[in-house]
Amino acid sequence: MTRKTNWQRYYDEQTSQPGMRRLVEDEMRALRIGVQLAKLRQAAGLSQTQLAAKVGMSAPNISRIESNPEQNLTLQTLVKLFGALDHEVTITPQRRRRAARNSARKSYRVARSGNVE
């Protein structure tokens, strides 16, 4: 068995809380979209400027999408970008984990009642 690095111990500690784990997972999903876009663009032999021209966007906007996981992208933008790279966007609904469902229910109850339970 290999020993955990300081980073692994820190990551495990930080993501032991369900809320924090959900935030990290959301950020990782967003980052993956940008990385996938960059890889497909490069595989197609296109620069950011060339892809931007194909979809009617600016090159700096393409750069932000590829490098910034905080971008709030619409489905229409994703379909346009990946379509220009000859790929389809698919959405697969997945059941929430128990902790996420319980948290959502509690948030709803708090919002509805105005009191913290």
N, C-alpha and C. Protein backbone atom coordinates (compact mmCIF):
# COMPACT_ATOMS: atom_id res chain seq x y z
N MET A 1 0.84 -1.17 0.00
CA MET A 1 0.00 0.00 0.00
C MET A 1 0.89 1.25 0.00
N THR A 2 0.55 2.21 -0.84
CA THR A 2 1.34 3.44 -0.89
C THR A 2 0.80 4.44 0.13
N ARG A 3 1.70 5.24 0.64
CA ARG A 3 1.31 6.26 1.61
C ARG A 3 0.67 7.44 0.89
N LYS A 4 -0.28 8.05 1.54
CA LYS A 4 -0.93 9.22 0.96
C LYS A 4 0.00 10.42 1.05
N THR A 5 -0.07 11.23 0.01
CA THR A 5 0.70 12.47 0.02
C THR A 5 -0.04 13.50 0.86
N ASN A 6 0.65 14.58 1.19
CA ASN A 6 0.00 15.66 1.93
C ASN A 6 -1.21 16.18 1.16
N TRP A 7 -1.06 16.29 -0.16
CA TRP A 7 -2.17 16.76 -0.98
C TRP A 7 -3.36 15.82 -0.89
N GLN A 8 -3.12 14.52 -0.96
CA GLN A 8 -4.21 13.55 -0.88
C GLN A 8 -4.92 13.62 0.47
N ARG A 9 -4.15 13.76 1.54
CA ARG A 9 -4.75 13.88 2.87
C ARG A 9 -5.58 15.16 2.97
N TYR A 10 -5.03 16.26 2.45
CA TYR A 10 -5.75 17.54 2.47
C TYR A 10 -7.05 17.43 1.66
N TYR A 11 -6.98 16.87 0.47
CA TYR A 11 -8.15 16.72 -0.39
C TYR A 11 -9.20 15.87 0.30
N ASP A 12 -8.79 14.74 0.87
CA ASP A 12 -9.74 13.87 1.57
C ASP A 12 -10.41 14.60 2.72
N GLU A 13 -9.63 15.36 3.47
CA GLU A 13 -10.19 16.09 4.60
C GLU A 13 -11.18 17.16 4.13
N GLN A 14 -10.81 17.88 3.10
CA GLN A 14 -11.67 18.95 2.61
C GLN A 14 -12.97 18.42 1.99
N THR A 15 -12.89 17.27 1.34
CA THR A 15 -14.07 16.73 0.66
C THR A 15 -14.83 15.73 1.52
N SER A 16 -14.50 15.63 2.79
CA SER A 16 -15.24 14.72 3.67
C SER A 16 -16.63 15.26 3.97
N GLN A 17 -16.81 16.57 3.84
CA GLN A 17 -18.13 17.17 4.05
C GLN A 17 -18.91 17.11 2.74
N PRO A 18 -20.15 16.61 2.77
CA PRO A 18 -20.92 16.45 1.53
C PRO A 18 -21.07 17.73 0.71
N GLY A 19 -21.29 18.86 1.36
CA GLY A 19 -21.45 20.11 0.63
C GLY A 19 -20.19 20.50 -0.12
N MET A 20 -19.06 20.36 0.54
CA MET A 20 -17.78 20.69 -0.09
C MET A 20 -17.47 19.71 -1.21
N ARG A 21 -17.74 18.43 -0.99
CA ARG A 21 -17.50 17.43 -2.03
C ARG A 21 -18.32 17.77 -3.28
N ARG A 22 -19.57 18.17 -3.09
CA ARG A 22 -20.43 18.52 -4.21
C ARG A 22 -19.87 19.71 -4.98
N LEU A 23 -19.37 20.72 -4.26
CA LEU A 23 -18.77 21.88 -4.92
C LEU A 23 -17.55 21.48 -5.74
N VAL A 24 -16.70 20.64 -5.17
CA VAL A 24 -15.50 20.19 -5.87
C VAL A 24 -15.88 19.40 -7.11
N GLU A 25 -16.84 18.51 -6.98
CA GLU A 25 -17.26 17.70 -8.12
C GLU A 25 -17.87 18.57 -9.22
N ASP A 26 -18.65 19.58 -8.84
CA ASP A 26 -19.21 20.49 -9.84
C ASP A 26 -18.11 21.23 -10.58
N GLU A 27 -17.10 21.70 -9.86
CA GLU A 27 -15.99 22.41 -10.49
C GLU A 27 -15.21 21.48 -11.42
N MET A 28 -15.02 20.23 -11.02
CA MET A 28 -14.29 19.28 -11.85
C MET A 28 -15.06 18.98 -13.13
N ARG A 29 -16.38 18.85 -13.03
CA ARG A 29 -17.19 18.63 -14.23
C ARG A 29 -17.07 19.81 -15.19
N ALA A 30 -17.14 21.01 -14.66
CA ALA A 30 -17.03 22.20 -15.50
C ALA A 30 -15.65 22.27 -16.16
N LEU A 31 -14.63 21.95 -15.42
CA LEU A 31 -13.28 21.97 -15.96
C LEU A 31 -13.13 20.93 -17.07
N ARG A 32 -13.74 19.77 -16.90
CA ARG A 32 -13.66 18.73 -17.92
C ARG A 32 -14.26 19.19 -19.24
N ILE A 33 -15.33 19.98 -19.18
CA ILE A 33 -15.94 20.47 -20.42
C ILE A 33 -14.93 21.33 -21.18
N GLY A 34 -14.26 22.23 -20.48
CA GLY A 34 -13.27 23.08 -21.13
C GLY A 34 -12.11 22.29 -21.70
N VAL A 35 -11.65 21.30 -20.96
CA VAL A 35 -10.54 20.46 -21.41
C VAL A 35 -10.96 19.66 -22.64
N GLN A 36 -12.18 19.11 -22.61
CA GLN A 36 -12.66 18.35 -23.76
C GLN A 36 -12.75 19.24 -25.00
N LEU A 37 -13.25 20.45 -24.80
CA LEU A 37 -13.36 21.38 -25.92
C LEU A 37 -11.98 21.67 -26.51
N ALA A 38 -11.01 21.96 -25.65
CA ALA A 38 -9.65 22.27 -26.12
C ALA A 38 -9.04 21.08 -26.87
N LYS A 39 -9.20 19.88 -26.33
CA LYS A 39 -8.64 18.69 -26.98
C LYS A 39 -9.27 18.45 -28.35
N LEU A 40 -10.59 18.58 -28.42
CA LEU A 40 -11.26 18.36 -29.71
C LEU A 40 -10.88 19.44 -30.72
N ARG A 41 -10.77 20.67 -30.26
CA ARG A 41 -10.37 21.77 -31.15
C ARG A 41 -8.98 21.51 -31.70
N GLN A 42 -8.06 21.12 -30.83
CA GLN A 42 -6.68 20.85 -31.26
C GLN A 42 -6.63 19.65 -32.20
N ALA A 43 -7.41 18.62 -31.90
CA ALA A 43 -7.44 17.44 -32.77
C ALA A 43 -7.98 17.78 -34.15
N ALA A 44 -8.86 18.76 -34.22
CA ALA A 44 -9.41 19.20 -35.50
C ALA A 44 -8.45 20.13 -36.23
N GLY A 45 -7.36 20.49 -35.57
CA GLY A 45 -6.37 21.37 -36.19
C GLY A 45 -6.81 22.83 -36.24
N LEU A 46 -7.68 23.21 -35.33
CA LEU A 46 -8.19 24.58 -35.31
C LEU A 46 -7.56 25.38 -34.18
N SER A 47 -7.33 26.64 -34.44
CA SER A 47 -6.91 27.55 -33.37
C SER A 47 -8.19 28.05 -32.68
N GLN A 48 -8.01 28.70 -31.56
CA GLN A 48 -9.16 29.29 -30.88
C GLN A 48 -9.82 30.33 -31.78
N THR A 49 -9.03 31.07 -32.52
CA THR A 49 -9.55 32.09 -33.43
C THR A 49 -10.39 31.45 -34.54
N GLN A 50 -9.91 30.33 -35.08
CA GLN A 50 -10.65 29.65 -36.14
C GLN A 50 -11.96 29.07 -35.63
N LEU A 51 -11.94 28.46 -34.43
CA LEU A 51 -13.18 27.94 -33.86
C LEU A 51 -14.15 29.08 -33.58
N ALA A 52 -13.63 30.17 -33.05
CA ALA A 52 -14.47 31.33 -32.76
C ALA A 52 -15.17 31.82 -34.03
N ALA A 53 -14.44 31.88 -35.12
CA ALA A 53 -15.02 32.33 -36.39
C ALA A 53 -16.13 31.39 -36.86
N LYS A 54 -15.94 30.09 -36.66
CA LYS A 54 -16.94 29.11 -37.08
C LYS A 54 -18.25 29.25 -36.32
N VAL A 55 -18.17 29.66 -35.05
CA VAL A 55 -19.38 29.71 -34.22
C VAL A 55 -19.85 31.13 -33.93
N GLY A 56 -19.15 32.13 -34.47
CA GLY A 56 -19.58 33.51 -34.27
C GLY A 56 -19.30 34.04 -32.87
N MET A 57 -18.17 33.64 -32.32
CA MET A 57 -17.76 34.13 -31.00
C MET A 57 -16.38 34.76 -31.13
N SER A 58 -15.90 35.35 -30.04
CA SER A 58 -14.55 35.91 -30.05
C SER A 58 -13.55 34.86 -29.55
N ALA A 59 -12.30 34.98 -29.99
CA ALA A 59 -11.25 34.05 -29.54
C ALA A 59 -11.04 34.14 -28.03
N PRO A 60 -11.05 35.34 -27.42
CA PRO A 60 -10.91 35.40 -25.96
C PRO A 60 -12.03 34.66 -25.23
N ASN A 61 -13.22 34.68 -25.81
CA ASN A 61 -14.33 33.94 -25.18
C ASN A 61 -14.07 32.43 -25.23
N ILE A 62 -13.57 31.95 -26.34
CA ILE A 62 -13.21 30.52 -26.45
C ILE A 62 -12.14 30.19 -25.42
N SER A 63 -11.16 31.04 -25.28
CA SER A 63 -10.09 30.84 -24.30
C SER A 63 -10.65 30.75 -22.89
N ARG A 64 -11.57 31.65 -22.55
CA ARG A 64 -12.18 31.62 -21.21
C ARG A 64 -12.95 30.32 -20.97
N ILE A 65 -13.68 29.88 -21.97
CA ILE A 65 -14.45 28.64 -21.84
C ILE A 65 -13.52 27.46 -21.62
N GLU A 66 -12.42 27.42 -22.36
CA GLU A 66 -11.48 26.30 -22.25
C GLU A 66 -10.70 26.31 -20.94
N SER A 67 -10.45 27.47 -20.39
CA SER A 67 -9.55 27.53 -19.24
C SER A 67 -10.21 27.88 -17.91
N ASN A 68 -11.43 28.35 -17.93
CA ASN A 68 -12.05 28.81 -16.70
C ASN A 68 -13.27 27.96 -16.35
N PRO A 69 -13.14 27.12 -15.33
CA PRO A 69 -14.26 26.24 -14.98
C PRO A 69 -15.47 26.99 -14.42
N GLU A 70 -15.33 28.27 -14.14
CA GLU A 70 -16.43 29.02 -13.57
C GLU A 70 -17.37 29.58 -14.65
N GLN A 71 -17.07 29.33 -15.91
CA GLN A 71 -17.93 29.82 -16.97
C GLN A 71 -19.31 29.20 -16.83
N ASN A 72 -20.32 30.01 -16.93
CA ASN A 72 -21.70 29.55 -16.88
C ASN A 72 -22.19 29.45 -18.31
N LEU A 73 -22.11 28.27 -18.89
CA LEU A 73 -22.43 28.09 -20.29
C LEU A 73 -23.87 27.64 -20.48
N THR A 74 -24.48 28.12 -21.53
CA THR A 74 -25.82 27.64 -21.87
C THR A 74 -25.70 26.37 -22.70
N LEU A 75 -26.76 25.61 -22.72
CA LEU A 75 -26.78 24.40 -23.54
C LEU A 75 -26.62 24.77 -25.00
N GLN A 76 -27.21 25.88 -25.42
CA GLN A 76 -27.10 26.33 -26.80
C GLN A 76 -25.64 26.59 -27.18
N THR A 77 -24.89 27.22 -26.28
CA THR A 77 -23.47 27.48 -26.55
C THR A 77 -22.68 26.19 -26.65
N LEU A 78 -22.94 25.26 -25.75
CA LEU A 78 -22.25 23.97 -25.80
C LEU A 78 -22.55 23.23 -27.11
N VAL A 79 -23.80 23.21 -27.49
CA VAL A 79 -24.19 22.53 -28.73
C VAL A 79 -23.51 23.18 -29.94
N LYS A 80 -23.46 24.51 -29.95
CA LYS A 80 -22.83 25.23 -31.05
C LYS A 80 -21.33 24.92 -31.12
N LEU A 81 -20.65 24.97 -29.98
CA LEU A 81 -19.20 24.73 -29.96
C LEU A 81 -18.85 23.30 -30.35
N PHE A 82 -19.49 22.34 -29.69
CA PHE A 82 -19.16 20.94 -29.98
C PHE A 82 -19.65 20.53 -31.37
N GLY A 83 -20.76 21.13 -31.82
CA GLY A 83 -21.24 20.86 -33.18
C GLY A 83 -20.25 21.31 -34.22
N ALA A 84 -19.60 22.45 -33.99
CA ALA A 84 -18.59 22.95 -34.92
C ALA A 84 -17.39 22.01 -34.99
N LEU A 85 -17.23 21.19 -33.95
CA LEU A 85 -16.14 20.21 -33.91
C LEU A 85 -16.63 18.80 -34.24
N ASP A 86 -17.84 18.74 -34.84
CA ASP A 86 -18.44 17.48 -35.30
C ASP A 86 -18.72 16.51 -34.15
N HIS A 87 -19.21 17.05 -33.04
CA HIS A 87 -19.58 16.22 -31.89
C HIS A 87 -20.95 16.64 -31.38
N GLU A 88 -21.67 15.68 -30.83
CA GLU A 88 -22.98 15.96 -30.24
C GLU A 88 -22.83 16.13 -28.74
N VAL A 89 -23.71 16.92 -28.16
CA VAL A 89 -23.77 17.08 -26.71
C VAL A 89 -24.92 16.21 -26.22
N THR A 90 -24.65 15.38 -25.25
CA THR A 90 -25.70 14.56 -24.65
C THR A 90 -25.81 14.88 -23.17
N ILE A 91 -27.01 14.78 -22.67
CA ILE A 91 -27.26 15.00 -21.25
C ILE A 91 -27.82 13.71 -20.69
N THR A 92 -27.21 13.24 -19.64
CA THR A 92 -27.65 12.02 -18.99
C THR A 92 -28.08 12.32 -17.57
N PRO A 93 -29.38 12.28 -17.30
CA PRO A 93 -29.82 12.52 -15.93
C PRO A 93 -29.31 11.42 -15.00
N GLN A 94 -28.85 11.83 -13.85
CA GLN A 94 -28.38 10.87 -12.85
C GLN A 94 -29.04 11.19 -11.52
N ARG A 95 -29.40 10.17 -10.82
CA ARG A 95 -30.03 10.35 -9.52
C ARG A 95 -29.02 11.00 -8.58
N ARG A 96 -29.47 11.95 -7.79
CA ARG A 96 -28.61 12.60 -6.82
C ARG A 96 -28.22 11.62 -5.74
N ARG A 97 -27.07 11.88 -5.15
CA ARG A 97 -26.67 11.07 -4.00
C ARG A 97 -27.55 11.43 -2.83
N ARG A 98 -27.65 10.54 -1.89
CA ARG A 98 -28.52 10.72 -0.73
C ARG A 98 -28.22 12.03 0.00
N ALA A 99 -26.96 12.35 0.25
CA ALA A 99 -26.61 13.57 0.98
C ALA A 99 -27.08 14.80 0.22
N ALA A 100 -26.94 14.79 -1.09
CA ALA A 100 -27.36 15.94 -1.88
C ALA A 100 -28.88 16.09 -1.84
N ARG A 101 -29.61 14.98 -1.90
CA ARG A 101 -31.07 15.05 -1.84
C ARG A 101 -31.53 15.56 -0.49
N ASN A 102 -30.92 15.04 0.60
CA ASN A 102 -31.31 15.49 1.93
C ASN A 102 -31.01 16.97 2.12
N SER A 103 -29.88 17.42 1.62
CA SER A 103 -29.51 18.83 1.72
C SER A 103 -30.50 19.69 0.96
N ALA A 104 -30.90 19.25 -0.23
CA ALA A 104 -31.85 20.00 -1.03
C ALA A 104 -33.20 20.08 -0.32
N ARG A 105 -33.63 18.97 0.28
CA ARG A 105 -34.90 18.98 1.01
C ARG A 105 -34.83 19.93 2.20
N LYS A 106 -33.74 19.89 2.94
CA LYS A 106 -33.59 20.74 4.10
C LYS A 106 -33.58 22.20 3.68
N SER A 107 -32.88 22.52 2.60
CA SER A 107 -32.84 23.89 2.10
C SER A 107 -34.24 24.36 1.74
N TYR A 108 -35.02 23.47 1.13
CA TYR A 108 -36.38 23.83 0.76
C TYR A 108 -37.22 24.09 2.00
N ARG A 109 -37.07 23.22 3.01
CA ARG A 109 -37.84 23.40 4.25
C ARG A 109 -37.46 24.71 4.93
N VAL A 110 -36.18 25.02 4.97
CA VAL A 110 -35.73 26.26 5.61
C VAL A 110 -36.26 27.45 4.83
N ALA A 111 -36.17 27.41 3.52
CA ALA A 111 -36.63 28.53 2.70
C ALA A 111 -38.13 28.72 2.86
N ARG A 112 -38.85 27.64 2.94
CA ARG A 112 -40.30 27.70 3.04
C ARG A 112 -40.75 28.22 4.39
N SER A 113 -40.11 27.75 5.45
CA SER A 113 -40.54 28.12 6.80
C SER A 113 -39.87 29.41 7.27
N GLY A 114 -38.70 29.70 6.71
CA GLY A 114 -37.97 30.87 7.17
C GLY A 114 -37.19 30.61 8.45
N ASN A 115 -37.27 29.38 8.97
CA ASN A 115 -36.56 28.99 10.17
C ASN A 115 -35.55 27.92 9.87
N VAL A 116 -34.47 27.92 10.60
CA VAL A 116 -33.48 26.86 10.48
C VAL A 116 -33.89 25.74 11.39
N GLU A 117 -33.93 24.51 10.86
CA GLU A 117 -34.34 23.36 11.66
C GLU A 117 -33.19 22.85 12.49
